[in-house]
C-alpha atoms as a PDB file:
ATOM      1  CA  UNK A   1      -0.010   0.013  -0.002  1.00  0.00           C
ATOM      2  CA  UNK A   2       2.885   2.336   0.859  1.00  0.00           C
ATOM      3  CA  UNK A   3       4.617   1.621  -2.455  1.00  0.00           C
ATOM      4  CA  UNK A   4       1.448   2.474  -4.385  1.00  0.00           C
ATOM      5  CA  UNK A   5       1.137   5.755  -2.454  1.00  0.00           C
ATOM      6  CA  UNK A   6       4.721   6.716  -3.347  1.00  0.00           C
ATOM      7  CA  UNK A   7       4.027   5.894  -6.988  1.00  0.00           C
ATOM      8  CA  UNK A   8       1.025   8.206  -7.074  1.00  0.00           C
ATOM      9  CA  UNK A   9       3.044  11.058  -5.569  1.00  0.00           C
ATOM     10  CA  UNK A  10       5.588  10.832  -8.381  1.00  0.00           C
ATOM     11  CA  UNK A  11       2.990  11.652 -11.060  1.00  0.00           C
ATOM     12  CA  UNK A  12       2.555  15.466 -11.559  1.00  0.00           C
ATOM     13  CA  UNK A  13      -1.061  16.345 -11.008  1.00  0.00           C
ATOM     14  CA  UNK A  14      -1.014  19.100 -13.660  1.00  0.00           C
ATOM     15  CA  UNK A  15       0.932  17.144 -16.312  1.00  0.00           C
ATOM     16  CA  UNK A  16      -2.160  16.505 -18.483  1.00  0.00           C
ATOM     17  CA  UNK A  17      -2.832  20.302 -18.571  1.00  0.00           C
ATOM     18  CA  UNK A  18       0.697  21.285 -19.589  1.00  0.00           C
ATOM     19  CA  UNK A  19       0.447  20.452 -23.264  1.00  0.00           C
ATOM     20  CA  UNK A  20      -2.880  22.287 -23.874  1.00  0.00           C
ATOM     21  CA  UNK A  21      -1.453  25.394 -22.087  1.00  0.00           C
ATOM     22  CA  UNK A  22       1.624  25.354 -24.300  1.00  0.00           C
ATOM     23  CA  UNK A  23      -0.464  24.883 -27.437  1.00  0.00           C
ATOM     24  CA  UNK A  24      -2.836  27.683 -26.430  1.00  0.00           C
ATOM     25  CA  UNK A  25       0.105  30.041 -25.785  1.00  0.00           C
ATOM     26  CA  UNK A  26       1.607  29.253 -29.182  1.00  0.00           C
ATOM     27  CA  UNK A  27      -1.683  29.773 -30.983  1.00  0.00           C
ATOM     28  CA  UNK A  28      -2.344  33.062 -29.144  1.00  0.00           C
ATOM     29  CA  UNK A  29       1.133  34.343 -29.998  1.00  0.00           C
ATOM     30  CA  UNK A  30       0.641  33.352 -33.606  1.00  0.00           C
ATOM     31  CA  UNK A  31      -2.719  35.098 -33.874  1.00  0.00           C
ATOM     32  CA  UNK A  32      -1.315  38.252 -32.229  1.00  0.00           C
ATOM     33  CA  UNK A  33       1.636  38.255 -34.634  1.00  0.00           C
ATOM     34  CA  UNK A  34      -0.657  37.768 -37.628  1.00  0.00           C
ATOM     35  CA  UNK A  35      -2.954  40.657 -36.779  1.00  0.00           C
ATOM     36  CA  UNK A  36      -0.029  42.914 -35.913  1.00  0.00           C
ATOM     37  CA  UNK A  37       1.691  42.175 -39.244  1.00  0.00           C
ATOM     38  CA  UNK A  38      -1.577  42.619 -41.173  1.00  0.00           C
ATOM     39  CA  UNK A  39      -2.584  45.899 -39.505  1.00  0.00           C
ATOM     40  CA  UNK A  40      -3.555  48.970 -41.496  1.00  0.00           C
ATOM     41  CA  UNK A  41      -0.681  50.428 -43.499  1.00  0.00           C
ATOM     42  CA  UNK A  42      -0.650  54.209 -44.058  1.00  0.00           C
ATOM     43  CA  UNK A  43       1.179  55.673 -47.049  1.00  0.00           C
ATOM     44  CA  UNK A  44       1.632  59.443 -47.271  1.00  0.00           C
ATOM     45  CA  UNK A  45       2.355  60.755 -50.755  1.00  0.00           C
ATOM     46  CA  UNK A  46       3.777  64.269 -51.156  1.00  0.00           C
ATOM     47  CA  UNK A  47       5.060  66.262 -54.093  1.00  0.00           C
ATOM     48  CA  UNK A  48       8.560  67.642 -53.848  1.00  0.00           C
ATOM     49  CA  UNK A  49       8.797  71.335 -52.954  1.00  0.00           C
ATOM     50  CA  UNK A  50       9.574  74.155 -55.421  1.00  0.00           C
ATOM     51  CA  UNK A  51      12.831  73.757 -57.386  1.00  0.00           C
ATOM     52  CA  UNK A  52      15.268  76.552 -58.128  1.00  0.00           C
ATOM     53  CA  UNK A  53      14.747  77.164 -61.823  1.00  0.00           C
ATOM     54  CA  UNK A  54      13.833  74.395 -64.252  1.00  0.00           C
ATOM     55  CA  UNK A  55      13.321  70.995 -62.693  1.00  0.00           C
ATOM     56  CA  UNK A  56      16.138  68.570 -63.396  1.00  0.00           C
ATOM     57  CA  UNK A  57      17.713  65.630 -61.630  1.00  0.00           C
ATOM     58  CA  UNK A  58      20.261  67.812 -59.857  1.00  0.00           C
ATOM     59  CA  UNK A  59      18.208  71.019 -59.413  1.00  0.00           C
ATOM     60  CA  UNK A  60      18.088  72.042 -55.725  1.00  0.00           C
ATOM     61  CA  UNK A  61      15.180  73.525 -53.849  1.00  0.00           C
ATOM     62  CA  UNK A  62      14.579  77.250 -54.141  1.00  0.00           C
ATOM     63  CA  UNK A  63      14.388  79.411 -51.036  1.00  0.00           C
ATOM     64  CA  UNK A  64      10.628  78.967 -51.212  1.00  0.00           C
ATOM     65  CA  UNK A  65      11.042  75.208 -51.577  1.00  0.00           C
ATOM     66  CA  UNK A  66      13.272  75.078 -48.508  1.00  0.00           C
ATOM     67  CA  UNK A  67      10.603  76.854 -46.444  1.00  0.00           C
ATOM     68  CA  UNK A  68       7.973  74.454 -47.718  1.00  0.00           C
ATOM     69  CA  UNK A  69      10.158  71.436 -46.843  1.00  0.00           C
ATOM     70  CA  UNK A  70      10.487  72.819 -43.292  1.00  0.00           C
ATOM     71  CA  UNK A  71       6.713  73.378 -43.146  1.00  0.00           C
ATOM     72  CA  UNK A  72       6.156  69.766 -44.279  1.00  0.00           C
ATOM     73  CA  UNK A  73       8.481  68.538 -41.571  1.00  0.00           C
ATOM     74  CA  UNK A  74       6.592  70.465 -38.865  1.00  0.00           C
ATOM     75  CA  UNK A  75       3.327  69.115 -40.258  1.00  0.00           C
ATOM     76  CA  UNK A  76       4.294  65.431 -40.302  1.00  0.00           C
ATOM     77  CA  UNK A  77       6.799  65.123 -37.448  1.00  0.00           C
ATOM     78  CA  UNK A  78       4.112  64.067 -34.982  1.00  0.00           C
ATOM     79  CA  UNK A  79       1.488  62.819 -37.434  1.00  0.00           C
ATOM     80  CA  UNK A  80       1.334  59.615 -35.349  1.00  0.00           C
ATOM     81  CA  UNK A  81       1.054  60.468 -31.674  1.00  0.00           C
ATOM     82  CA  UNK A  82       2.772  57.282 -30.541  1.00  0.00           C
ATOM     83  CA  UNK A  83       5.856  56.742 -32.677  1.00  0.00           C
ATOM     84  CA  UNK A  84       5.795  59.014 -35.727  1.00  0.00           C
ATOM     85  CA  UNK A  85       6.686  57.888 -39.219  1.00  0.00           C
ATOM     86  CA  UNK A  86       8.444  54.578 -39.703  1.00  0.00           C
ATOM     87  CA  UNK A  87      10.142  55.176 -43.061  1.00  0.00           C
ATOM     88  CA  UNK A  88      10.761  57.910 -45.658  1.00  0.00           C
ATOM     89  CA  UNK A  89      11.327  57.408 -49.393  1.00  0.00           C
ATOM     90  CA  UNK A  90      12.253  59.893 -52.106  1.00  0.00           C
ATOM     91  CA  UNK A  91      12.513  59.418 -55.869  1.00  0.00           C
ATOM     92  CA  UNK A  92      15.927  60.148 -57.462  1.00  0.00           C
ATOM     93  CA  UNK A  93      15.595  63.903 -57.675  1.00  0.00           C
ATOM     94  CA  UNK A  94      17.629  66.304 -55.557  1.00  0.00           C
ATOM     95  CA  UNK A  95      14.494  68.349 -54.818  1.00  0.00           C
ATOM     96  CA  UNK A  96      12.690  65.213 -53.599  1.00  0.00           C
ATOM     97  CA  UNK A  97      15.543  64.256 -51.303  1.00  0.00           C
ATOM     98  CA  UNK A  98      15.857  67.825 -49.995  1.00  0.00           C
ATOM     99  CA  UNK A  99      12.093  68.003 -49.408  1.00  0.00           C
ATOM    100  CA  UNK A 100      12.301  64.883 -47.227  1.00  0.00           C
ATOM    101  CA  UNK A 101      15.506  65.830 -45.414  1.00  0.00           C
ATOM    102  CA  UNK A 102      14.161  68.211 -42.720  1.00  0.00           C
ATOM    103  CA  UNK A 103      11.583  65.644 -41.595  1.00  0.00           C
ATOM    104  CA  UNK A 104      14.118  62.800 -41.774  1.00  0.00           C
ATOM    105  CA  UNK A 105      16.525  64.817 -39.606  1.00  0.00           C
ATOM    106  CA  UNK A 106      13.844  65.490 -36.989  1.00  0.00           C
ATOM    107  CA  UNK A 107      12.886  61.827 -36.814  1.00  0.00           C
ATOM    108  CA  UNK A 108      16.465  60.508 -37.196  1.00  0.00           C
ATOM    109  CA  UNK A 109      15.422  58.406 -40.192  1.00  0.00           C
ATOM    110  CA  UNK A 110      17.289  57.800 -43.464  1.00  0.00           C
ATOM    111  CA  UNK A 111      15.850  59.018 -46.746  1.00  0.00           C
ATOM    112  CA  UNK A 112      15.507  55.789 -48.685  1.00  0.00           C
ATOM    113  CA  UNK A 113      15.920  55.893 -52.478  1.00  0.00           C
ATOM    114  CA  UNK A 114      12.748  55.068 -54.415  1.00  0.00           C
ATOM    115  CA  UNK A 115      13.154  53.768 -57.976  1.00  0.00           C
ATOM    116  CA  UNK A 116      10.236  55.369 -59.796  1.00  0.00           C
ATOM    117  CA  UNK A 117      10.813  53.638 -63.136  1.00  0.00           C
ATOM    118  CA  UNK A 118       7.950  51.236 -62.219  1.00  0.00           C
ATOM    119  CA  UNK A 119       5.458  52.833 -59.853  1.00  0.00           C
ATOM    120  CA  UNK A 120       3.495  49.634 -59.334  1.00  0.00           C
ATOM    121  CA  UNK A 121       6.557  47.751 -58.249  1.00  0.00           C
ATOM    122  CA  UNK A 122       7.652  50.634 -56.031  1.00  0.00           C
ATOM    123  CA  UNK A 123       4.305  50.773 -54.230  1.00  0.00           C
ATOM    124  CA  UNK A 124       4.239  46.989 -53.791  1.00  0.00           C
ATOM    125  CA  UNK A 125       7.697  47.103 -52.288  1.00  0.00           C
ATOM    126  CA  UNK A 126       6.823  49.903 -49.839  1.00  0.00           C
ATOM    127  CA  UNK A 127       3.655  48.147 -48.641  1.00  0.00           C
ATOM    128  CA  UNK A 128       5.310  44.720 -48.370  1.00  0.00           C
ATOM    129  CA  UNK A 129       8.323  46.077 -46.450  1.00  0.00           C
ATOM    130  CA  UNK A 130       6.280  48.221 -44.073  1.00  0.00           C
ATOM    131  CA  UNK A 131       3.048  46.391 -43.292  1.00  0.00           C
ATOM    132  CA  UNK A 132       1.183  48.080 -40.481  1.00  0.00           C
ATOM    133  CA  UNK A 133       3.545  51.082 -40.597  1.00  0.00           C
ATOM    134  CA  UNK A 134       3.351  54.765 -41.635  1.00  0.00           C
ATOM    135  CA  UNK A 135       5.498  55.684 -44.613  1.00  0.00           C
ATOM    136  CA  UNK A 136       6.175  58.923 -46.491  1.00  0.00           C
ATOM    137  CA  UNK A 137       6.985  58.901 -50.227  1.00  0.00           C
ATOM    138  CA  UNK A 138       8.157  62.131 -51.919  1.00  0.00           C
ATOM    139  CA  UNK A 139       7.647  62.144 -55.695  1.00  0.00           C
ATOM    140  CA  UNK A 140       6.670  64.290 -58.702  1.00  0.00           C
ATOM    141  CA  UNK A 141       3.276  65.891 -58.730  1.00  0.00           C
ATOM    142  CA  UNK A 142       2.033  63.924 -61.739  1.00  0.00           C
ATOM    143  CA  UNK A 143       3.059  60.680 -60.042  1.00  0.00           C
ATOM    144  CA  UNK A 144       0.889  61.133 -56.953  1.00  0.00           C
ATOM    145  CA  UNK A 145      -2.485  60.158 -58.495  1.00  0.00           C
ATOM    146  CA  UNK A 146      -0.815  57.188 -60.256  1.00  0.00           C
ATOM    147  CA  UNK A 147       0.783  55.998 -57.039  1.00  0.00           C
ATOM    148  CA  UNK A 148      -2.552  56.397 -55.269  1.00  0.00           C
ATOM    149  CA  UNK A 149      -4.240  54.244 -57.892  1.00  0.00           C
ATOM    150  CA  UNK A 150      -1.530  51.587 -57.563  1.00  0.00           C
ATOM    151  CA  UNK A 151      -2.218  51.426 -53.828  1.00  0.00           C
ATOM    152  CA  UNK A 152      -5.943  50.883 -54.460  1.00  0.00           C
ATOM    153  CA  UNK A 153      -6.904  54.513 -53.881  1.00  0.00           C
ATOM    154  CA  UNK A 154      -9.821  56.302 -55.471  1.00  0.00           C
ATOM    155  CA  UNK A 155      -9.545  56.133 -59.268  1.00  0.00           C
ATOM    156  CA  UNK A 156     -10.760  59.709 -59.735  1.00  0.00           C
ATOM    157  CA  UNK A 157      -8.166  61.357 -57.537  1.00  0.00           C
ATOM    158  CA  UNK A 158      -7.599  64.898 -58.906  1.00  0.00           C
ATOM    159  CA  UNK A 159      -4.404  65.612 -60.739  1.00  0.00           C
ATOM    160  CA  UNK A 160      -1.851  67.948 -59.145  1.00  0.00           C
ATOM    161  CA  UNK A 161      -1.578  71.244 -60.981  1.00  0.00           C
ATOM    162  CA  UNK A 162       1.782  72.503 -62.225  1.00  0.00           C
ATOM    163  CA  UNK A 163       1.883  75.187 -59.518  1.00  0.00           C
ATOM    164  CA  UNK A 164       0.432  73.094 -56.695  1.00  0.00           C
ATOM    165  CA  UNK A 165       2.943  72.087 -54.042  1.00  0.00           C
ATOM    166  CA  UNK A 166       0.826  71.841 -50.905  1.00  0.00           C
ATOM    167  CA  UNK A 167      -0.968  68.560 -51.596  1.00  0.00           C
ATOM    168  CA  UNK A 168      -0.750  65.529 -49.350  1.00  0.00           C
ATOM    169  CA  UNK A 169      -2.364  62.198 -50.225  1.00  0.00           C
ATOM    170  CA  UNK A 170      -2.963  59.915 -47.249  1.00  0.00           C
ATOM    171  CA  UNK A 171      -3.871  56.328 -48.055  1.00  0.00           C
ATOM    172  CA  UNK A 172      -5.037  53.946 -45.344  1.00  0.00           C
ATOM    173  CA  UNK A 173      -4.623  50.380 -46.570  1.00  0.00           C
ATOM    174  CA  UNK A 174      -6.318  47.787 -44.335  1.00  0.00           C
ATOM    175  CA  UNK A 175      -5.310  44.142 -44.428  1.00  0.00           C
ATOM    176  CA  UNK A 176      -8.850  43.435 -45.515  1.00  0.00           C
ATOM    177  CA  UNK A 177     -11.240  45.867 -47.226  1.00  0.00           C
ATOM    178  CA  UNK A 178     -11.046  48.983 -49.351  1.00  0.00           C
ATOM    179  CA  UNK A 179      -8.286  51.586 -49.272  1.00  0.00           C
ATOM    180  CA  UNK A 180      -9.379  54.976 -47.971  1.00  0.00           C
ATOM    181  CA  UNK A 181      -7.943  58.010 -49.764  1.00  0.00           C
ATOM    182  CA  UNK A 182      -7.593  61.472 -48.237  1.00  0.00           C
ATOM    183  CA  UNK A 183      -6.295  64.580 -49.983  1.00  0.00           C
ATOM    184  CA  UNK A 184      -5.306  67.483 -47.786  1.00  0.00           C
ATOM    185  CA  UNK A 185      -3.181  70.648 -47.955  1.00  0.00           C
ATOM    186  CA  UNK A 186      -0.468  71.420 -45.460  1.00  0.00           C
ATOM    187  CA  UNK A 187      -0.406  75.020 -44.342  1.00  0.00           C
ATOM    188  CA  UNK A 188      -1.281  78.113 -46.338  1.00  0.00           C
ATOM    189  CA  UNK A 189       0.114  78.771 -49.781  1.00  0.00           C
ATOM    190  CA  UNK A 190       3.523  80.320 -49.352  1.00  0.00           C
ATOM    191  CA  UNK A 191       4.279  83.669 -51.039  1.00  0.00           C
ATOM    192  CA  UNK A 192       5.858  83.846 -54.472  1.00  0.00           C
ATOM    193  CA  UNK A 193       9.631  83.645 -54.683  1.00  0.00           C
ATOM    194  CA  UNK A 194       9.997  87.381 -55.502  1.00  0.00           C
ATOM    195  CA  UNK A 195       7.824  88.351 -52.539  1.00  0.00           C
ATOM    196  CA  UNK A 196       9.807  86.031 -50.281  1.00  0.00           C
ATOM    197  CA  UNK A 197      13.082  87.641 -51.318  1.00  0.00           C
ATOM    198  CA  UNK A 198      11.975  91.147 -50.370  1.00  0.00           C
ATOM    199  CA  UNK A 199       9.919  90.275 -47.300  1.00  0.00           C
ATOM    200  CA  UNK A 200      10.993  92.420 -44.326  1.00  0.00           C
ATOM    201  CA  UNK A 201      12.712  90.673 -41.431  1.00  0.00           C
ATOM    202  CA  UNK A 202      10.774  90.392 -38.190  1.00  0.00           C
END
């Protein structure tokens, strides 16, 4: 009788429950990871600021463009109240890189190069690499509606006029469902370059 009692004491009472607990923990972790990785992705599309002279690959920002880039940085630096932007991309134009630079400096992020030779591939790459994140892409004005369409945005998004530099497209891309497209303007229109040059100092 004593031997049988000792044998019973050796068997863990909770041993049959251990495996289900482990399995439940693994399933819960997997589900949490899945929903986190498939969360809504937000892509912000912005036109580069005003160039100095004729736009070319190496043309820098004008004085007006530099002020607009700083205004953009102040507008987007805390666009997400928890952690800010997660990544910044700019097409291979000096004005695009310089437009993104003030914001990138504030957030201590690199300005990633964005190959715009194939906009569909570019947008696929950005979404795939940053699921559930907030990403800024700086591009040409005429590219913004096309990029929006590639991301599943509204097909009738208005084109950006030749003299429009204050447009921001915000696309919310859920892991399931339709993409929501917003078009907003950041700040007031800045004064013309000539007016800026002669503006009195405060």
